PDB file of N, CA and C in Angstrom:
ATOM      1  N   UNK A   1      95.468 152.519 150.839  1.00  0.00           N
ATOM      2  CA  UNK A   1      94.612 152.169 149.724  1.00  0.00           C
ATOM      3  C   UNK A   1      94.363 150.660 149.761  1.00  0.00           C
ATOM      4  N   UNK A   2      93.199 150.294 149.395  1.00  0.00           N
ATOM      5  CA  UNK A   2      92.794 148.904 149.431  1.00  0.00           C
ATOM      6  C   UNK A   2      93.347 148.157 148.204  1.00  0.00           C
ATOM      7  N   UNK A   3      93.785 146.916 148.407  1.00  0.00           N
ATOM      8  CA  UNK A   3      94.357 146.101 147.331  1.00  0.00           C
ATOM      9  C   UNK A   3      93.350 145.860 146.206  1.00  0.00           C
ATOM     10  N   UNK A   4      92.103 145.645 146.545  1.00  0.00           N
ATOM     11  CA  UNK A   4      91.062 145.413 145.539  1.00  0.00           C
ATOM     12  C   UNK A   4      90.841 146.650 144.673  1.00  0.00           C
ATOM     13  N   UNK A   5      90.979 147.795 145.249  1.00  0.00           N
ATOM     14  CA  UNK A   5      90.822 149.038 144.502  1.00  0.00           C
ATOM     15  C   UNK A   5      91.940 149.188 143.476  1.00  0.00           C
ATOM     16  N   UNK A   6      93.136 148.821 143.876  1.00  0.00           N
ATOM     17  CA  UNK A   6      94.279 148.886 142.955  1.00  0.00           C
ATOM     18  C   UNK A   6      94.076 147.924 141.784  1.00  0.00           C
ATOM     19  N   UNK A   7      93.634 146.718 142.084  1.00  0.00           N
ATOM     20  CA  UNK A   7      93.380 145.737 141.024  1.00  0.00           C
ATOM     21  C   UNK A   7      92.278 146.208 140.086  1.00  0.00           C
ATOM     22  N   UNK A   8      91.254 146.810 140.627  1.00  0.00           N
ATOM     23  CA  UNK A   8      90.147 147.296 139.798  1.00  0.00           C
ATOM     24  C   UNK A   8      90.605 148.418 138.883  1.00  0.00           C
ATOM     25  N   UNK A   9      91.504 149.247 139.372  1.00  0.00           N
ATOM     26  CA  UNK A   9      92.004 150.338 138.550  1.00  0.00           C
ATOM     27  C   UNK A   9      92.941 149.836 137.458  1.00  0.00           C
ATOM     28  N   UNK A  10      93.692 148.782 137.757  1.00  0.00           N
ATOM     29  CA  UNK A  10      94.682 148.274 136.808  1.00  0.00           C
ATOM     30  C   UNK A  10      94.082 147.315 135.787  1.00  0.00           C
ATOM     31  N   UNK A  11      92.853 146.909 135.973  1.00  0.00           N
ATOM     32  CA  UNK A  11      92.244 145.936 135.069  1.00  0.00           C
ATOM     33  C   UNK A  11      92.009 146.571 133.703  1.00  0.00           C
ATOM     34  N   UNK A  12      92.468 145.915 132.643  1.00  0.00           N
ATOM     35  CA  UNK A  12      92.244 146.457 131.302  1.00  0.00           C
ATOM     36  C   UNK A  12      90.784 146.277 130.886  1.00  0.00           C
ATOM     37  N   UNK A  13      90.378 147.065 129.949  1.00  0.00           N
ATOM     38  CA  UNK A  13      89.018 146.950 129.423  1.00  0.00           C
ATOM     39  C   UNK A  13      88.895 145.634 128.661  1.00  0.00           C
ATOM     40  N   UNK A  14      87.834 144.912 128.945  1.00  0.00           N
ATOM     41  CA  UNK A  14      87.624 143.619 128.302  1.00  0.00           C
ATOM     42  C   UNK A  14      86.978 143.818 126.935  1.00  0.00           C
ATOM     43  N   UNK A  15      87.555 143.154 125.928  1.00  0.00           N
ATOM     44  CA  UNK A  15      86.992 143.209 124.590  1.00  0.00           C
ATOM     45  C   UNK A  15      86.053 142.039 124.382  1.00  0.00           C
ATOM     46  N   UNK A  16      85.660 141.856 123.174  1.00  0.00           N
ATOM     47  CA  UNK A  16      84.797 140.750 122.810  1.00  0.00           C
ATOM     48  C   UNK A  16      85.583 139.443 122.942  1.00  0.00           C
ATOM     49  N   UNK A  17      85.078 138.454 123.705  1.00  0.00           N
ATOM     50  CA  UNK A  17      85.829 137.198 123.863  1.00  0.00           C
ATOM     51  C   UNK A  17      85.973 136.418 122.550  1.00  0.00           C
ATOM     52  N   UNK A  18      85.052 136.608 121.628  1.00  0.00           N
ATOM     53  CA  UNK A  18      85.153 135.906 120.346  1.00  0.00           C
ATOM     54  C   UNK A  18      86.310 136.431 119.509  1.00  0.00           C
ATOM     55  N   UNK A  19      86.682 137.659 119.741  1.00  0.00           N
ATOM     56  CA  UNK A  19      87.788 138.254 119.001  1.00  0.00           C
ATOM     57  C   UNK A  19      89.088 137.490 119.274  1.00  0.00           C
ATOM     58  N   UNK A  20      89.283 137.054 120.490  1.00  0.00           N
ATOM     59  CA  UNK A  20      90.474 136.263 120.831  1.00  0.00           C
ATOM     60  C   UNK A  20      90.476 134.936 120.079  1.00  0.00           C
ATOM     61  N   UNK A  21      89.332 134.283 120.025  1.00  0.00           N
ATOM     62  CA  UNK A  21      89.250 132.993 119.330  1.00  0.00           C
ATOM     63  C   UNK A  21      89.467 133.151 117.828  1.00  0.00           C
ATOM     64  N   UNK A  22      88.949 134.224 117.283  1.00  0.00           N
ATOM     65  CA  UNK A  22      89.146 134.484 115.854  1.00  0.00           C
ATOM     66  C   UNK A  22      90.627 134.703 115.561  1.00  0.00           C
ATOM     67  N   UNK A  23      91.305 135.449 116.407  1.00  0.00           N
ATOM     68  CA  UNK A  23      92.741 135.695 116.213  1.00  0.00           C
ATOM     69  C   UNK A  23      93.546 134.398 116.319  1.00  0.00           C
ATOM     70  N   UNK A  24      93.221 133.553 117.285  1.00  0.00           N
ATOM     71  CA  UNK A  24      93.908 132.265 117.421  1.00  0.00           C
ATOM     72  C   UNK A  24      93.662 131.416 116.179  1.00  0.00           C
ATOM     73  N   UNK A  25      92.422 131.423 115.696  1.00  0.00           N
ATOM     74  CA  UNK A  25      92.103 130.677 114.474  1.00  0.00           C
ATOM     75  C   UNK A  25      92.872 131.189 113.270  1.00  0.00           C
ATOM     76  N   UNK A  26      92.969 132.507 113.129  1.00  0.00           N
ATOM     77  CA  UNK A  26      93.722 133.087 112.014  1.00  0.00           C
ATOM     78  C   UNK A  26      95.206 132.740 112.096  1.00  0.00           C
ATOM     79  N   UNK A  27      95.754 132.758 113.293  1.00  0.00           N
ATOM     80  CA  UNK A  27      97.163 132.383 113.463  1.00  0.00           C
ATOM     81  C   UNK A  27      97.369 130.934 113.044  1.00  0.00           C
ATOM     82  N   UNK A  28      96.451 130.046 113.416  1.00  0.00           N
ATOM     83  CA  UNK A  28      96.558 128.644 113.032  1.00  0.00           C
ATOM     84  C   UNK A  28      96.481 128.479 111.512  1.00  0.00           C
ATOM     85  N   UNK A  29      95.566 129.196 110.873  1.00  0.00           N
ATOM     86  CA  UNK A  29      95.423 129.105 109.415  1.00  0.00           C
ATOM     87  C   UNK A  29      96.690 129.582 108.721  1.00  0.00           C
ATOM     88  N   UNK A  30      97.241 130.696 109.169  1.00  0.00           N
ATOM     89  CA  UNK A  30      98.485 131.212 108.582  1.00  0.00           C
ATOM     90  C   UNK A  30      99.618 130.219 108.803  1.00  0.00           C
ATOM     91  N   UNK A  31      99.722 129.675 110.001  1.00  0.00           N
ATOM     92  CA  UNK A  31     100.745 128.678 110.314  1.00  0.00           C
ATOM     93  C   UNK A  31     100.609 127.461 109.400  1.00  0.00           C
ATOM     94  N   UNK A  32      99.378 127.006 109.184  1.00  0.00           N
ATOM     95  CA  UNK A  32      99.138 125.841 108.334  1.00  0.00           C
ATOM     96  C   UNK A  32      99.609 126.097 106.904  1.00  0.00           C
ATOM     97  N   UNK A  33      99.230 127.228 106.325  1.00  0.00           N
ATOM     98  CA  UNK A  33      99.555 127.484 104.927  1.00  0.00           C
ATOM     99  C   UNK A  33     101.010 127.866 104.696  1.00  0.00           C
ATOM    100  N   UNK A  34     101.690 128.386 105.699  1.00  0.00           N
ATOM    101  CA  UNK A  34     103.085 128.770 105.515  1.00  0.00           C
ATOM    102  C   UNK A  34     104.081 127.740 106.027  1.00  0.00           C
ATOM    103  N   UNK A  35     103.658 126.819 106.892  1.00  0.00           N
ATOM    104  CA  UNK A  35     104.595 125.861 107.471  1.00  0.00           C
ATOM    105  C   UNK A  35     104.229 124.406 107.144  1.00  0.00           C
ATOM    106  N   UNK A  36     103.038 124.001 107.473  1.00  0.00           N
ATOM    107  CA  UNK A  36     102.659 122.593 107.369  1.00  0.00           C
ATOM    108  C   UNK A  36     102.412 122.184 105.922  1.00  0.00           C
ATOM    109  N   UNK A  37     101.652 122.939 105.188  1.00  0.00           N
ATOM    110  CA  UNK A  37     101.298 122.594 103.802  1.00  0.00           C
ATOM    111  C   UNK A  37     102.516 122.463 102.895  1.00  0.00           C
ATOM    112  N   UNK A  38     103.467 123.404 102.901  1.00  0.00           N
ATOM    113  CA  UNK A  38     104.650 123.240 102.045  1.00  0.00           C
ATOM    114  C   UNK A  38     105.482 122.004 102.407  1.00  0.00           C
ATOM    115  N   UNK A  39     105.561 121.680 103.698  1.00  0.00           N
ATOM    116  CA  UNK A  39     106.310 120.492 104.108  1.00  0.00           C
ATOM    117  C   UNK A  39     105.635 119.229 103.586  1.00  0.00           C
ATOM    118  N   UNK A  40     104.314 119.165 103.646  1.00  0.00           N
ATOM    119  CA  UNK A  40     103.591 118.011 103.116  1.00  0.00           C
ATOM    120  C   UNK A  40     103.817 117.878 101.614  1.00  0.00           C
ATOM    121  N   UNK A  41     103.852 118.999 100.913  1.00  0.00           N
ATOM    122  CA  UNK A  41     104.082 118.982  99.467  1.00  0.00           C
ATOM    123  C   UNK A  41     105.480 118.446  99.151  1.00  0.00           C
ATOM    124  N   UNK A  42     106.494 118.898  99.905  1.00  0.00           N
ATOM    125  CA  UNK A  42     107.859 118.405  99.693  1.00  0.00           C
ATOM    126  C   UNK A  42     107.963 116.912  99.977  1.00  0.00           C
ATOM    127  N   UNK A  43     107.298 116.444 101.035  1.00  0.00           N
ATOM    128  CA  UNK A  43     107.323 115.021 101.361  1.00  0.00           C
ATOM    129  C   UNK A  43     106.670 114.194 100.259  1.00  0.00           C
ATOM    130  N   UNK A  44     105.579 114.684  99.699  1.00  0.00           N
ATOM    131  CA  UNK A  44     104.893 113.972  98.627  1.00  0.00           C
ATOM    132  C   UNK A  44     105.774 113.891  97.379  1.00  0.00           C
ATOM    133  N   UNK A  45     106.451 114.994  97.039  1.00  0.00           N
ATOM    134  CA  UNK A  45     107.353 115.001  95.880  1.00  0.00           C
ATOM    135  C   UNK A  45     108.535 114.060  96.096  1.00  0.00           C
ATOM    136  N   UNK A  46     109.079 114.018  97.313  1.00  0.00           N
ATOM    137  CA  UNK A  46     110.205 113.127  97.610  1.00  0.00           C
ATOM    138  C   UNK A  46     109.770 111.668  97.511  1.00  0.00           C
ATOM    139  N   UNK A  47     108.569 111.356  97.982  1.00  0.00           N
ATOM    140  CA  UNK A  47     108.041 109.983  97.884  1.00  0.00           C
ATOM    141  C   UNK A  47     107.897 109.576  96.421  1.00  0.00           C
ATOM    142  N   UNK A  48     107.387 110.490  95.575  1.00  0.00           N
ATOM    143  CA  UNK A  48     107.264 110.188  94.145  1.00  0.00           C
ATOM    144  C   UNK A  48     108.639 109.960  93.525  1.00  0.00           C
ATOM    145  N   UNK A  49     109.630 110.768  93.911  1.00  0.00           N
ATOM    146  CA  UNK A  49     110.988 110.618  93.399  1.00  0.00           C
ATOM    147  C   UNK A  49     111.553 109.252  93.772  1.00  0.00           C
ATOM    148  N   UNK A  50     111.396 108.856  95.011  1.00  0.00           N
ATOM    149  CA  UNK A  50     111.942 107.580  95.478  1.00  0.00           C
ATOM    150  C   UNK A  50     111.238 106.404  94.804  1.00  0.00           C
ATOM    151  N   UNK A  51     109.939 106.514  94.608  1.00  0.00           N
ATOM    152  CA  UNK A  51     109.200 105.431  93.953  1.00  0.00           C
ATOM    153  C   UNK A  51     109.550 105.312  92.472  1.00  0.00           C
ATOM    154  N   UNK A  52     110.023 106.397  91.857  1.00  0.00           N
ATOM    155  CA  UNK A  52     110.287 106.405  90.417  1.00  0.00           C
ATOM    156  C   UNK A  52     111.720 106.018  90.052  1.00  0.00           C
ATOM    157  N   UNK A  53     112.626 105.912  91.024  1.00  0.00           N
ATOM    158  CA  UNK A  53     114.011 105.592  90.664  1.00  0.00           C
ATOM    159  C   UNK A  53     114.108 104.158  90.167  1.00  0.00           C
ATOM    160  N   UNK A  54     115.067 103.950  89.265  1.00  0.00           N
ATOM    161  CA  UNK A  54     115.242 102.626  88.668  1.00  0.00           C
ATOM    162  C   UNK A  54     116.723 102.346  88.474  1.00  0.00           C
ATOM    163  N   UNK A  55     117.029 101.124  88.178  1.00  0.00           N
ATOM    164  CA  UNK A  55     118.411 100.707  87.955  1.00  0.00           C
ATOM    165  C   UNK A  55     119.006 101.517  86.799  1.00  0.00           C
ATOM    166  N   UNK A  56     120.220 102.008  86.999  1.00  0.00           N
ATOM    167  CA  UNK A  56     120.896 102.790  85.977  1.00  0.00           C
ATOM    168  C   UNK A  56     120.792 104.293  86.177  1.00  0.00           C
ATOM    169  N   UNK A  57     119.868 104.745  87.035  1.00  0.00           N
ATOM    170  CA  UNK A  57     119.749 106.181  87.312  1.00  0.00           C
ATOM    171  C   UNK A  57     120.973 106.671  88.075  1.00  0.00           C
ATOM    172  N   UNK A  58     121.392 107.884  87.764  1.00  0.00           N
ATOM    173  CA  UNK A  58     122.463 108.518  88.528  1.00  0.00           C
ATOM    174  C   UNK A  58     121.809 109.406  89.575  1.00  0.00           C
ATOM    175  N   UNK A  59     122.232 109.221  90.828  1.00  0.00           N
ATOM    176  CA  UNK A  59     121.592 109.920  91.942  1.00  0.00           C
ATOM    177  C   UNK A  59     122.611 110.688  92.776  1.00  0.00           C
ATOM    178  N   UNK A  60     122.077 111.552  93.614  1.00  0.00           N
ATOM    179  CA  UNK A  60     122.864 112.243  94.630  1.00  0.00           C
ATOM    180  C   UNK A  60     122.155 111.992  95.956  1.00  0.00           C
ATOM    181  N   UNK A  61     122.913 111.548  96.962  1.00  0.00           N
ATOM    182  CA  UNK A  61     122.319 111.280  98.269  1.00  0.00           C
ATOM    183  C   UNK A  61     122.241 112.561  99.087  1.00  0.00           C
ATOM    184  N   UNK A  62     121.548 112.476 100.210  1.00  0.00           N
ATOM    185  CA  UNK A  62     121.436 113.626 101.109  1.00  0.00           C
ATOM    186  C   UNK A  62     122.799 114.027 101.656  1.00  0.00           C
ATOM    187  N   UNK A  63     123.738 113.093 101.720  1.00  0.00           N
ATOM    188  CA  UNK A  63     125.088 113.382 102.191  1.00  0.00           C
ATOM    189  C   UNK A  63     126.012 113.888 101.108  1.00  0.00           C
ATOM    190  N   UNK A  64     125.516 113.981  99.871  1.00  0.00           N
ATOM    191  CA  UNK A  64     126.316 114.513  98.776  1.00  0.00           C
ATOM    192  C   UNK A  64     127.081 113.470  97.991  1.00  0.00           C
ATOM    193  N   UNK A  65     126.811 112.195  98.203  1.00  0.00           N
ATOM    194  CA  UNK A  65     127.494 111.132  97.467  1.00  0.00           C
ATOM    195  C   UNK A  65     126.802 110.940  96.127  1.00  0.00           C
ATOM    196  N   UNK A  66     127.596 110.947  95.054  1.00  0.00           N
ATOM    197  CA  UNK A  66     127.077 110.750  93.705  1.00  0.00           C
ATOM    198  C   UNK A  66     127.321 109.301  93.319  1.00  0.00           C
ATOM    199  N   UNK A  67     126.346 108.690  92.659  1.00  0.00           N
ATOM    200  CA  UNK A  67     126.521 107.317  92.232  1.00  0.00           C
ATOM    201  C   UNK A  67     125.461 106.884  91.242  1.00  0.00           C
ATOM    202  N   UNK A  68     125.698 105.701  90.675  1.00  0.00           N
ATOM    203  CA  UNK A  68     124.775 105.106  89.707  1.00  0.00           C
ATOM    204  C   UNK A  68     124.153 103.875  90.349  1.00  0.00           C
ATOM    205  N   UNK A  69     122.840 103.746  90.241  1.00  0.00           N
ATOM    206  CA  UNK A  69     122.135 102.640  90.882  1.00  0.00           C
ATOM    207  C   UNK A  69     122.468 101.329  90.187  1.00  0.00           C
ATOM    208  N   UNK A  70     122.925 100.354  90.998  1.00  0.00           N
ATOM    209  CA  UNK A  70     123.266  99.026  90.497  1.00  0.00           C
ATOM    210  C   UNK A  70     122.123  98.052  90.781  1.00  0.00           C
ATOM    211  N   UNK A  71     121.549  98.137  91.984  1.00  0.00           N
ATOM    212  CA  UNK A  71     120.416  97.274  92.318  1.00  0.00           C
ATOM    213  C   UNK A  71     119.510  97.974  93.323  1.00  0.00           C
ATOM    214  N   UNK A  72     118.247  97.558  93.297  1.00  0.00           N
ATOM    215  CA  UNK A  72     117.231  98.151  94.169  1.00  0.00           C
ATOM    216  C   UNK A  72     116.633  97.082  95.062  1.00  0.00           C
ATOM    217  N   UNK A  73     116.464  97.403  96.332  1.00  0.00           N
ATOM    218  CA  UNK A  73     115.736  96.558  97.264  1.00  0.00           C
ATOM    219  C   UNK A  73     114.478  97.289  97.694  1.00  0.00           C
ATOM    220  N   UNK A  74     113.754  96.708  98.636  1.00  0.00           N
ATOM    221  CA  UNK A  74     112.546  97.376  99.122  1.00  0.00           C
ATOM    222  C   UNK A  74     112.881  98.663  99.864  1.00  0.00           C
ATOM    223  N   UNK A  75     113.896  98.613 100.716  1.00  0.00           N
ATOM    224  CA  UNK A  75     114.245  99.777 101.529  1.00  0.00           C
ATOM    225  C   UNK A  75     115.651 100.295 101.288  1.00  0.00           C
ATOM    226  N   UNK A  76     116.424  99.602 100.463  1.00  0.00           N
ATOM    227  CA  UNK A  76     117.797 100.041 100.236  1.00  0.00           C
ATOM    228  C   UNK A  76     118.161  99.998  98.759  1.00  0.00           C
ATOM    229  N   UNK A  77     119.267 100.674  98.450  1.00  0.00           N
ATOM    230  CA  UNK A  77     119.753 100.794  97.077  1.00  0.00           C
ATOM    231  C   UNK A  77     121.250 100.538  97.110  1.00  0.00           C
ATOM    232  N   UNK A  78     121.749  99.814  96.124  1.00  0.00           N
ATOM    233  CA  UNK A  78     123.192  99.657  95.980  1.00  0.00           C
ATOM    234  C   UNK A  78     123.623 100.541  94.825  1.00  0.00           C
ATOM    235  N   UNK A  79     124.637 101.378  95.087  1.00  0.00           N
ATOM    236  CA  UNK A  79     125.118 102.294  94.057  1.00  0.00           C
ATOM    237  C   UNK A  79     126.598 102.060  93.800  1.00  0.00           C
ATOM    238  N   UNK A  80     126.998 102.323  92.561  1.00  0.00           N
ATOM    239  CA  UNK A  80     128.408 102.310  92.164  1.00  0.00           C
ATOM    240  C   UNK A  80     128.855 103.763  92.235  1.00  0.00           C
ATOM    241  N   UNK A  81     129.854 104.040  93.085  1.00  0.00           N
ATOM    242  CA  UNK A  81     130.185 105.441  93.329  1.00  0.00           C
ATOM    243  C   UNK A  81     131.358 105.974  92.524  1.00  0.00           C
ATOM    244  N   UNK A  82     132.136 105.104  91.881  1.00  0.00           N
ATOM    245  CA  UNK A  82     133.268 105.646  91.126  1.00  0.00           C
ATOM    246  C   UNK A  82     133.424 105.055  89.730  1.00  0.00           C
ATOM    247  N   UNK A  83     132.535 104.185  89.318  1.00  0.00           N
ATOM    248  CA  UNK A  83     132.615 103.611  87.976  1.00  0.00           C
ATOM    249  C   UNK A  83     133.621 102.479  87.860  1.00  0.00           C
ATOM    250  N   UNK A  84     134.305 102.154  88.955  1.00  0.00           N
ATOM    251  CA  UNK A  84     135.291 101.071  88.936  1.00  0.00           C
ATOM    252  C   UNK A  84     134.865  99.902  89.816  1.00  0.00           C
ATOM    253  N   UNK A  85     133.614  99.859  90.163  1.00  0.00           N
ATOM    254  CA  UNK A  85     133.110  98.733  90.934  1.00  0.00           C
ATOM    255  C   UNK A  85     133.017  98.969  92.429  1.00  0.00           C
ATOM    256  N   UNK A  86     133.301 100.156  92.893  1.00  0.00           N
ATOM    257  CA  UNK A  86     133.147 100.451  94.320  1.00  0.00           C
ATOM    258  C   UNK A  86     131.666 100.656  94.594  1.00  0.00           C
ATOM    259  N   UNK A  87     131.102  99.749  95.392  1.00  0.00           N
ATOM    260  CA  UNK A  87     129.660  99.778  95.640  1.00  0.00           C
ATOM    261  C   UNK A  87     129.376 100.171  97.078  1.00  0.00           C
ATOM    262  N   UNK A  88     128.244 100.799  97.244  1.00  0.00           N
ATOM    263  CA  UNK A  88     127.803 101.236  98.561  1.00  0.00           C
ATOM    264  C   UNK A  88     126.304 100.993  98.644  1.00  0.00           C
ATOM    265  N   UNK A  89     125.853 100.480  99.785  1.00  0.00           N
ATOM    266  CA  UNK A  89     124.424 100.282 100.000  1.00  0.00           C
ATOM    267  C   UNK A  89     123.908 101.423 100.871  1.00  0.00           C
ATOM    268  N   UNK A  90     122.853 102.057 100.397  1.00  0.00           N
ATOM    269  CA  UNK A  90     122.270 103.194 101.117  1.00  0.00           C
ATOM    270  C   UNK A  90     120.775 102.965 101.299  1.00  0.00           C
ATOM    271  N   UNK A  91     120.202 103.709 102.191  1.00  0.00           N
ATOM    272  CA  UNK A  91     118.764 103.668 102.417  1.00  0.00           C
ATOM    273  C   UNK A  91     118.053 104.446 101.312  1.00  0.00           C
ATOM    274  N   UNK A  92     116.920 103.953 100.859  1.00  0.00           N
ATOM    275  CA  UNK A  92     116.180 104.632  99.784  1.00  0.00           C
ATOM    276  C   UNK A  92     115.842 106.074 100.132  1.00  0.00           C
ATOM    277  N   UNK A  93     115.506 106.314 101.382  1.00  0.00           N
ATOM    278  CA  UNK A  93     115.081 107.662 101.774  1.00  0.00           C
ATOM    279  C   UNK A  93     116.218 108.676 101.754  1.00  0.00           C
ATOM    280  N   UNK A  94     117.471 108.213 101.637  1.00  0.00           N
ATOM    281  CA  UNK A  94     118.590 109.159 101.610  1.00  0.00           C
ATOM    282  C   UNK A  94     118.854 109.719 100.216  1.00  0.00           C
ATOM    283  N   UNK A  95     118.094 109.276  99.219  1.00  0.00           N
ATOM    284  CA  UNK A  95     118.247 109.826  97.871  1.00  0.00           C
ATOM    285  C   UNK A  95     117.682 111.242  97.871  1.00  0.00           C
ATOM    286  N   UNK A  96     118.525 112.182  97.491  1.00  0.00           N
ATOM    287  CA  UNK A  96     118.132 113.587  97.490  1.00  0.00           C
ATOM    288  C   UNK A  96     117.564 114.002  96.135  1.00  0.00           C
ATOM    289  N   UNK A  97     118.234 113.574  95.073  1.00  0.00           N
ATOM    290  CA  UNK A  97     117.750 113.911  93.732  1.00  0.00           C
ATOM    291  C   UNK A  97     118.316 112.933  92.720  1.00  0.00           C
ATOM    292  N   UNK A  98     117.695 112.913  91.554  1.00  0.00           N
ATOM    293  CA  UNK A  98     118.156 112.099  90.431  1.00  0.00           C
ATOM    294  C   UNK A  98     118.783 113.056  89.430  1.00  0.00           C
ATOM    295  N   UNK A  99     120.012 112.766  89.027  1.00  0.00           N
ATOM    296  CA  UNK A  99     120.692 113.643  88.066  1.00  0.00           C
ATOM    297  C   UNK A  99     119.959 113.595  86.734  1.00  0.00           C
ATOM    298  N   UNK A 100     119.876 114.724  86.091  1.00  0.00           N
ATOM    299  CA  UNK A 100     119.208 114.809  84.799  1.00  0.00           C
ATOM    300  C   UNK A 100     117.719 115.053  84.907  1.00  0.00           C
ATOM    301  N   UNK A 101     117.162 114.955  86.108  1.00  0.00           N
ATOM    302  CA  UNK A 101     115.731 115.201  86.299  1.00  0.00           C
ATOM    303  C   UNK A 101     115.501 116.403  87.205  1.00  0.00           C
ATOM    304  N   UNK A 102     116.450 117.337  87.218  1.00  0.00           N
ATOM    305  CA  UNK A 102     116.296 118.532  88.030  1.00  0.00           C
ATOM    306  C   UNK A 102     115.138 119.358  87.488  1.00  0.00           C
ATOM    307  N   UNK A 103     114.568 120.163  88.351  1.00  0.00           N
ATOM    308  CA  UNK A 103     113.465 121.032  87.923  1.00  0.00           C
ATOM    309  C   UNK A 103     113.974 122.045  86.926  1.00  0.00           C
ATOM    310  N   UNK A 104     113.167 122.300  85.920  1.00  0.00           N
ATOM    311  CA  UNK A 104     113.559 123.237  84.864  1.00  0.00           C
ATOM    312  C   UNK A 104     112.902 124.562  85.058  1.00  0.00           C
TER     313      UNK A 104
END
């Protein structure tokens, strides 16, 4: 049997080429709304949280450290972690949440 004959027999029926592009487009749209959009929303909310913190707020860091803000810099925050003067300087972006302002 000839090799070309075998290939011709095994070739699947070709559908509409636009159907493939439509499916790829739909997959991208679903990916955008289920993956990319929610992440952008979370980043925007975190940016608002970081911009709104002020001296005296009680916060929780991404590492789970609880403390009260003593001073604010452009990119860092100094927190009192035990109420007895133990201070720690952390990066602003490591603030996970502000106590008392949890979602209701």
